[in-house]
Amino acid sequence: MSFPISARLQDSKTESLKTQHEYLNLLRLRHLQWMTSTDDPDFEEIHQDIAGLIEQITDRYRQLFSARR
């Protein structure tokens, strides 16, 4: 038997997801900043790759937020 999730628990989950999304976006921006401040092309590429991966994750968060409405 399945019980509906209470509104309070749902609100808490949504707030947690939003906080995670914000943190990931800040992390992505930090990697973009580090990417432009390095003289080593290998490190630049690594920061760019990480920023790209984080962007993919935050896009999925946005899809999750849209689906929850």
C-alpha atoms as a PDB file:
ATOM      1  CA  MET A   1       0.000   0.000   0.000  1.00  0.00           C
ATOM      2  CA  SER A   2       1.360   3.389  -0.920  1.00  0.00           C
ATOM      3  CA  PHE A   3       0.745   6.533   1.053  1.00  0.00           C
ATOM      4  CA  PRO A   4       0.809  10.006  -0.487  1.00  0.00           C
ATOM      5  CA  ILE A   5       3.743  12.145   0.524  1.00  0.00           C
ATOM      6  CA  SER A   6       2.670  14.873   2.875  1.00  0.00           C
ATOM      7  CA  ALA A   7       2.769  18.428   1.567  1.00  0.00           C
ATOM      8  CA  ARG A   8       5.326  19.372   4.214  1.00  0.00           C
ATOM      9  CA  LEU A   9       7.682  16.576   3.176  1.00  0.00           C
ATOM     10  CA  GLN A  10       7.198  17.493  -0.473  1.00  0.00           C
ATOM     11  CA  ASP A  11       8.032  21.144   0.277  1.00  0.00           C
ATOM     12  CA  SER A  12      11.138  20.055   2.165  1.00  0.00           C
ATOM     13  CA  LYS A  13      12.270  17.883  -0.736  1.00  0.00           C
ATOM     14  CA  THR A  14      11.714  20.698  -3.232  1.00  0.00           C
ATOM     15  CA  GLU A  15      13.649  23.154  -1.061  1.00  0.00           C
ATOM     16  CA  SER A  16      16.513  20.677  -0.752  1.00  0.00           C
ATOM     17  CA  LEU A  17      16.625  20.156  -4.522  1.00  0.00           C
ATOM     18  CA  LYS A  18      16.684  23.908  -5.109  1.00  0.00           C
ATOM     19  CA  THR A  19      19.562  24.305  -2.649  1.00  0.00           C
ATOM     20  CA  GLN A  20      21.500  21.542  -4.407  1.00  0.00           C
ATOM     21  CA  HIS A  21      20.821  23.171  -7.781  1.00  0.00           C
ATOM     22  CA  GLU A  22      22.091  26.539  -6.539  1.00  0.00           C
ATOM     23  CA  TYR A  23      25.235  24.980  -5.083  1.00  0.00           C
ATOM     24  CA  LEU A  24      25.983  23.094  -8.295  1.00  0.00           C
ATOM     25  CA  ASN A  25      25.533  26.272 -10.321  1.00  0.00           C
ATOM     26  CA  LEU A  26      28.005  28.106  -8.063  1.00  0.00           C
ATOM     27  CA  LEU A  27      30.442  25.220  -8.447  1.00  0.00           C
ATOM     28  CA  ARG A  28      30.063  25.375 -12.241  1.00  0.00           C
ATOM     29  CA  LEU A  29      30.770  29.106 -12.214  1.00  0.00           C
ATOM     30  CA  ARG A  30      33.850  28.552 -10.047  1.00  0.00           C
ATOM     31  CA  HIS A  31      35.240  26.036 -12.550  1.00  0.00           C
ATOM     32  CA  LEU A  32      34.611  28.460 -15.399  1.00  0.00           C
ATOM     33  CA  GLN A  33      36.508  31.105 -13.439  1.00  0.00           C
ATOM     34  CA  TRP A  34      39.398  28.731 -12.769  1.00  0.00           C
ATOM     35  CA  MET A  35      39.381  27.718 -16.434  1.00  0.00           C
ATOM     36  CA  THR A  36      40.081  31.292 -17.521  1.00  0.00           C
ATOM     37  CA  SER A  37      42.691  31.918 -14.843  1.00  0.00           C
ATOM     38  CA  THR A  38      45.070  29.070 -15.673  1.00  0.00           C
ATOM     39  CA  ASP A  39      48.006  29.066 -18.049  1.00  0.00           C
ATOM     40  CA  ASP A  40      48.014  25.284 -18.396  1.00  0.00           C
ATOM     41  CA  PRO A  41      45.874  24.060 -21.326  1.00  0.00           C
ATOM     42  CA  ASP A  42      45.401  20.659 -19.653  1.00  0.00           C
ATOM     43  CA  PHE A  43      43.927  22.251 -16.527  1.00  0.00           C
ATOM     44  CA  GLU A  44      41.803  24.566 -18.662  1.00  0.00           C
ATOM     45  CA  GLU A  45      40.330  21.563 -20.464  1.00  0.00           C
ATOM     46  CA  ILE A  46      39.660  19.729 -17.201  1.00  0.00           C
ATOM     47  CA  HIS A  47      37.838  22.736 -15.713  1.00  0.00           C
ATOM     48  CA  GLN A  48      35.836  23.133 -18.927  1.00  0.00           C
ATOM     49  CA  ASP A  49      34.860  19.446 -18.876  1.00  0.00           C
ATOM     50  CA  ILE A  50      33.800  19.619 -15.229  1.00  0.00           C
ATOM     51  CA  ALA A  51      31.767  22.783 -15.863  1.00  0.00           C
ATOM     52  CA  GLY A  52      30.074  21.069 -18.796  1.00  0.00           C
ATOM     53  CA  LEU A  53      29.190  18.012 -16.739  1.00  0.00           C
ATOM     54  CA  ILE A  54      27.796  20.152 -13.942  1.00  0.00           C
ATOM     55  CA  GLU A  55      25.732  22.066 -16.501  1.00  0.00           C
ATOM     56  CA  GLN A  56      24.223  18.789 -17.702  1.00  0.00           C
ATOM     57  CA  ILE A  57      23.282  17.940 -14.125  1.00  0.00           C
ATOM     58  CA  THR A  58      21.730  21.359 -13.459  1.00  0.00           C
ATOM     59  CA  ASP A  59      19.755  21.037 -16.695  1.00  0.00           C
ATOM     60  CA  ARG A  60      18.308  17.802 -15.350  1.00  0.00           C
ATOM     61  CA  TYR A  61      17.401  19.580 -12.107  1.00  0.00           C
ATOM     62  CA  ARG A  62      15.533  22.208 -14.145  1.00  0.00           C
ATOM     63  CA  GLN A  63      13.661  19.432 -15.955  1.00  0.00           C
ATOM     64  CA  LEU A  64      12.762  17.907 -12.602  1.00  0.00           C
ATOM     65  CA  PHE A  65      11.462  21.266 -11.340  1.00  0.00           C
ATOM     66  CA  SER A  66       9.372  21.723 -14.486  1.00  0.00           C
ATOM     67  CA  ALA A  67       7.891  18.229 -14.173  1.00  0.00           C
ATOM     68  CA  ARG A  68       6.936  18.789 -10.523  1.00  0.00           C
ATOM     69  CA  ARG A  69       4.648  21.728 -11.315  1.00  0.00           C
END
